Amino acid sequence: MAQSKALIKTLKRTLRAAHITYADIALRLEMSEANVKRLFATQSFTLQRLETICEMMNMDLGDLFVLLEFERRRIRHLTKQQEQELVADTKLLLIAICVRNQMNFDEMVNRYRLSETETIRHLAHLDRLGIIELLPGNRMKLLIDEHFEWLSDGPIERFYQQQIEEQFLNARFKSDVELRQFEFGLLGESASRIMIKKLRDLMREFTELHRADAHLPLMQRYSMGLLIAIRPWELEVFKPLMLEESATLASLRQNHDR
């Protein structure tokens, strides 16, 4: 069952990359779009239908299984030393972020003050780190997993934390593509867990939308930052006003959270 689920996830990603919709599949299979969606939801494909869908992408079933095996080998984390290499070289880190954002070679050199030679040198470095496979014509194959994450409290995360505190939040957040909103309230443990799940779902949706828009020209995409945080917390200015027992409880909660 786990292998079937992984295979369908690979199929869906490949279809998105080929810009083939459920409606296209429904037309080819002579089914309603609702039934096609049900096939994906229940993973109840016949081999014949899988083969037909693969043909729509000029593939066969063997190609799909090759993609599945390739994705299984993708890396989910770098080592601390690898992250440190990226942080130590601003241009290398920039290229790594560009690659993760699925920018191509021409977009990199046209957007930033980078020569073709140094861009190729940094791409070769990323190839050695196993982040990409550098192909002929300065094309790149991304080797990181779709759920790739920087190390918790690692060099990259600490670097971003400093940038968030010093730069990201230092803005008015007034344009149509900006939003800053802060809510504060008292939640029980069950409600807190529900909120955390919803926030994780939102982060996954952000990643999916990023992937879905990768085909758009660079000029039609914004470099967007999304910050999500939730934790037990009291404003420092209120703490002197709290009764001793409440202040101790608040302190214990925050220490436990750390």
Protein backbone atom coordinates (compact mmCIF):
# COMPACT_ATOMS: atom_id res chain seq x y z
CA MET A 1 0.00 0.00 0.00
CA ALA A 2 2.82 2.40 0.86
CA GLN A 3 4.46 1.76 -2.52
CA SER A 4 1.16 2.36 -4.34
CA LYS A 5 0.70 5.66 -2.51
CA ALA A 6 4.24 6.76 -3.38
CA LEU A 7 3.71 5.77 -7.02
CA ILE A 8 0.53 7.85 -7.31
CA LYS A 9 2.28 10.83 -5.67
CA THR A 10 5.04 10.52 -8.29
CA LEU A 11 2.41 10.28 -11.03
CA LYS A 12 0.64 13.42 -9.79
CA ARG A 13 3.89 15.40 -9.64
CA THR A 14 4.80 14.28 -13.16
CA LEU A 15 1.38 15.25 -14.47
CA ARG A 16 1.70 18.72 -12.91
CA ALA A 17 5.10 19.17 -14.53
CA ALA A 18 3.56 18.22 -17.89
CA HIS A 19 0.60 20.60 -17.25
CA ILE A 20 -1.90 17.76 -17.68
CA THR A 21 -5.11 18.27 -15.71
CA TYR A 22 -7.80 15.93 -14.37
CA ALA A 23 -10.02 17.22 -17.16
CA ASP A 24 -7.44 16.15 -19.77
CA ILE A 25 -7.23 12.69 -18.21
CA ALA A 26 -11.02 12.40 -18.05
CA LEU A 27 -11.26 13.16 -21.76
CA ARG A 28 -8.61 10.56 -22.62
CA LEU A 29 -10.13 7.85 -20.38
CA GLU A 30 -13.67 8.75 -21.44
CA MET A 31 -14.69 9.26 -17.82
CA SER A 32 -16.11 12.13 -15.82
CA GLU A 33 -13.62 14.42 -14.07
CA ALA A 34 -15.20 13.47 -10.72
CA ASN A 35 -14.46 9.81 -11.37
CA VAL A 36 -10.86 10.61 -12.28
CA LYS A 37 -10.46 12.49 -9.02
CA ARG A 38 -11.91 9.47 -7.22
CA LEU A 39 -9.35 7.21 -8.90
CA PHE A 40 -6.53 9.35 -7.56
CA ALA A 41 -8.10 9.61 -4.11
CA THR A 42 -8.65 5.85 -3.78
CA GLN A 43 -5.54 4.85 -5.78
CA SER A 44 -7.69 2.31 -7.60
CA PHE A 45 -6.08 2.41 -11.03
CA THR A 46 -5.99 -0.53 -13.38
CA LEU A 47 -2.70 -1.15 -15.16
CA GLN A 48 -4.33 -0.24 -18.45
CA ARG A 49 -5.44 3.15 -17.15
CA LEU A 50 -2.01 3.83 -15.67
CA GLU A 51 -0.43 2.98 -19.01
CA THR A 52 -2.85 5.28 -20.84
CA ILE A 53 -2.07 8.18 -18.48
CA CYS A 54 1.66 7.60 -18.89
CA GLU A 55 1.21 7.68 -22.69
CA MET A 56 -0.23 11.19 -22.32
CA MET A 57 3.23 12.22 -21.02
CA ASN A 58 5.10 10.20 -23.68
CA MET A 59 6.15 7.73 -20.97
CA ASP A 60 5.56 4.08 -20.16
CA LEU A 61 5.06 2.40 -16.79
CA GLY A 62 8.75 1.58 -16.60
CA ASP A 63 9.61 5.28 -16.80
CA LEU A 64 7.20 6.00 -13.94
CA PHE A 65 8.86 3.40 -11.71
CA VAL A 66 12.27 4.83 -12.56
CA LEU A 67 11.05 8.26 -11.41
CA LEU A 68 9.69 6.69 -8.22
CA GLU A 69 13.04 5.07 -7.43
CA PHE A 70 14.86 8.31 -8.21
CA GLU A 71 12.66 10.27 -5.80
CA ARG A 72 13.27 7.71 -3.07
CA ARG A 73 16.98 8.45 -3.30
CA ARG A 74 16.53 12.20 -2.96
CA ILE A 75 18.08 13.80 0.09
CA ARG A 76 15.95 15.36 2.84
CA HIS A 77 18.72 17.07 4.82
CA LEU A 78 22.25 18.32 4.31
CA THR A 79 24.93 17.70 6.90
CA LYS A 80 25.94 20.47 9.28
CA GLN A 81 29.25 20.79 7.40
CA GLN A 82 27.45 21.14 4.06
CA GLU A 83 25.16 23.84 5.43
CA GLN A 84 28.19 25.63 6.85
CA GLU A 85 29.77 25.63 3.38
CA LEU A 86 26.70 27.38 2.00
CA VAL A 87 26.56 29.99 4.77
CA ALA A 88 30.27 30.74 4.42
CA ASP A 89 29.87 31.77 0.75
CA THR A 90 27.10 34.29 0.02
CA LYS A 91 27.08 33.65 -3.72
CA LEU A 92 27.02 29.88 -3.26
CA LEU A 93 24.08 30.23 -0.86
CA LEU A 94 22.28 32.49 -3.35
CA ILE A 95 22.74 29.95 -6.16
CA ALA A 96 21.52 27.15 -3.86
CA ILE A 97 18.35 29.12 -3.08
CA CYS A 98 17.84 29.92 -6.78
CA VAL A 99 18.17 26.24 -7.63
CA ARG A 100 15.69 25.26 -4.92
CA ASN A 101 13.31 27.88 -6.34
CA GLN A 102 13.69 26.16 -9.73
CA MET A 103 15.28 29.12 -11.50
CA ASN A 104 17.21 28.23 -14.64
CA PHE A 105 20.74 29.30 -15.54
CA ASP A 106 19.76 32.31 -17.67
CA GLU A 107 17.38 33.60 -15.00
CA MET A 108 20.17 33.52 -12.42
CA VAL A 109 22.73 35.46 -14.46
CA ASN A 110 20.13 37.96 -15.70
CA ARG A 111 18.73 38.64 -12.22
CA TYR A 112 21.92 38.88 -10.16
CA ARG A 113 25.41 40.30 -10.53
CA LEU A 114 26.90 36.93 -11.35
CA SER A 115 29.10 36.05 -14.30
CA GLU A 116 28.40 32.88 -16.24
CA THR A 117 31.76 31.48 -15.14
CA GLU A 118 31.22 31.93 -11.40
CA THR A 119 27.62 30.71 -11.69
CA ILE A 120 28.82 27.50 -13.34
CA ARG A 121 31.51 27.13 -10.66
CA HIS A 122 28.94 27.41 -7.88
CA LEU A 123 26.57 25.02 -9.66
CA ALA A 124 29.43 22.52 -9.87
CA HIS A 125 29.92 22.95 -6.12
CA LEU A 126 26.22 22.17 -5.55
CA ASP A 127 26.65 19.12 -7.78
CA ARG A 128 29.47 17.89 -5.51
CA LEU A 129 27.25 18.46 -2.46
CA GLY A 130 24.57 16.27 -4.03
CA ILE A 131 21.97 19.04 -4.20
CA ILE A 132 21.78 19.00 -8.00
CA GLU A 133 23.04 17.08 -10.97
CA LEU A 134 24.62 19.55 -13.40
CA LEU A 135 23.69 18.56 -16.95
CA PRO A 136 25.00 19.64 -20.37
CA GLY A 137 23.91 23.12 -21.44
CA ASN A 138 23.97 24.34 -17.82
CA ARG A 139 20.73 22.55 -17.09
CA MET A 140 20.08 21.26 -13.57
CA LYS A 141 18.29 18.29 -12.08
CA LEU A 142 17.23 18.94 -8.49
CA LEU A 143 18.16 16.02 -6.22
CA ILE A 144 16.53 17.14 -2.98
CA ASP A 145 13.28 15.62 -1.72
CA GLU A 146 10.02 17.59 -1.94
CA HIS A 147 10.00 17.59 1.89
CA PHE A 148 13.60 18.81 2.11
CA GLU A 149 14.29 20.85 5.24
CA TRP A 150 17.26 22.73 6.63
CA LEU A 151 18.70 21.28 9.83
CA SER A 152 16.87 22.33 12.98
CA ASP A 153 18.98 25.04 14.66
CA GLY A 154 21.61 24.42 12.00
CA PRO A 155 23.78 27.00 10.19
CA ILE A 156 21.13 27.88 7.57
CA GLU A 157 18.29 28.15 10.09
CA ARG A 158 20.37 30.40 12.36
CA PHE A 159 21.32 32.53 9.35
CA TYR A 160 17.67 32.96 8.37
CA GLN A 161 16.65 33.70 11.96
CA GLN A 162 19.05 36.63 12.04
CA GLN A 163 17.76 37.93 8.69
CA ILE A 164 14.13 37.58 9.84
CA GLU A 165 14.76 39.54 13.03
CA GLU A 166 16.83 42.25 11.34
CA GLN A 167 15.14 42.61 7.94
CA PHE A 168 12.00 40.57 7.20
CA LEU A 169 9.82 42.05 9.95
CA ASN A 170 11.14 45.57 9.37
CA ALA A 171 8.42 46.47 6.86
CA ARG A 172 4.94 48.02 6.78
CA PHE A 173 3.20 45.03 5.10
CA LYS A 174 0.73 47.28 3.27
CA SER A 175 0.80 46.13 -0.37
CA ASP A 176 -1.65 43.71 -2.01
CA VAL A 177 0.84 40.84 -1.77
CA GLU A 178 1.79 41.45 1.87
CA LEU A 179 0.12 40.58 5.16
CA ARG A 180 1.13 40.82 8.78
CA GLN A 181 -1.37 39.87 11.44
CA PHE A 182 -0.88 38.88 15.07
CA GLU A 183 -3.46 37.12 17.20
CA PHE A 184 -3.23 36.37 20.90
CA GLY A 185 -5.50 34.20 22.99
CA LEU A 186 -5.78 31.41 25.53
CA LEU A 187 -5.90 27.92 24.02
CA GLY A 188 -6.04 24.49 25.62
CA GLU A 189 -3.68 21.69 24.59
CA SER A 190 -6.16 20.15 22.14
CA ALA A 191 -6.84 23.47 20.38
CA SER A 192 -3.09 24.19 20.27
CA ARG A 193 -2.44 20.88 18.52
CA ILE A 194 -5.20 21.62 16.01
CA MET A 195 -3.63 25.00 15.21
CA ILE A 196 -0.19 23.44 14.77
CA LYS A 197 -1.62 20.89 12.32
CA LYS A 198 -3.36 23.64 10.35
CA LEU A 199 -0.15 25.66 10.17
CA ARG A 200 1.79 22.64 8.95
CA ASP A 201 -0.89 22.06 6.29
CA LEU A 202 -0.51 25.69 5.24
CA MET A 203 3.25 25.29 4.87
CA ARG A 204 2.70 22.23 2.67
CA GLU A 205 0.23 24.20 0.55
CA PHE A 206 2.79 26.99 0.17
CA THR A 207 5.30 24.41 -1.11
CA GLU A 208 2.74 22.95 -3.52
CA LEU A 209 1.87 26.40 -4.91
CA HIS A 210 5.56 27.21 -5.29
CA ARG A 211 6.00 24.01 -7.29
CA ALA A 212 2.87 24.59 -9.38
CA ASP A 213 4.03 28.11 -10.39
CA ALA A 214 7.55 26.99 -11.33
CA HIS A 215 6.60 27.04 -15.03
CA LEU A 216 5.74 30.77 -14.98
CA PRO A 217 8.27 33.29 -16.33
CA LEU A 218 10.46 34.72 -13.59
CA MET A 219 9.00 38.22 -14.06
CA GLN A 220 5.58 36.86 -13.08
CA ARG A 221 6.79 35.38 -9.78
CA TYR A 222 7.56 37.17 -6.51
CA SER A 223 10.29 36.06 -4.15
CA MET A 224 7.91 35.51 -1.23
CA GLY A 225 8.76 34.91 2.42
CA LEU A 226 6.30 33.15 4.72
CA LEU A 227 6.84 33.14 8.49
CA ILE A 228 4.66 30.97 10.71
CA ALA A 229 5.11 30.70 14.47
CA ILE A 230 3.07 29.64 17.46
CA ARG A 231 4.15 28.98 21.07
CA PRO A 232 3.16 29.62 24.70
CA TRP A 233 4.10 33.25 25.30
CA GLU A 234 3.52 36.27 27.53
CA LEU A 235 4.51 39.85 26.79
CA GLU A 236 7.52 40.80 28.92
CA VAL A 237 5.83 44.10 29.84
CA PHE A 238 2.99 42.19 31.54
CA LYS A 239 5.13 39.86 33.64
CA PRO A 240 5.73 42.30 36.54
CA LEU A 241 1.94 42.59 36.86
CA MET A 242 1.32 38.86 37.17
CA LEU A 243 0.72 37.12 40.46
CA GLU A 244 3.72 35.06 41.53
CA GLU A 245 2.04 31.69 40.89
CA SER A 246 0.90 32.70 37.39
CA ALA A 247 4.32 34.12 36.56
CA THR A 248 6.00 30.89 37.65
CA LEU A 249 3.57 28.82 35.54
CA ALA A 250 4.20 31.00 32.50
CA SER A 251 7.96 30.67 32.99
CA LEU A 252 7.72 26.87 33.29
CA ARG A 253 5.69 26.68 30.08
CA GLN A 254 8.20 28.73 28.12
CA ASN A 255 11.18 26.80 29.52
CA HIS A 256 9.45 23.52 28.63
CA ASP A 257 8.86 24.82 25.10
CA ARG A 258 12.59 25.49 24.70
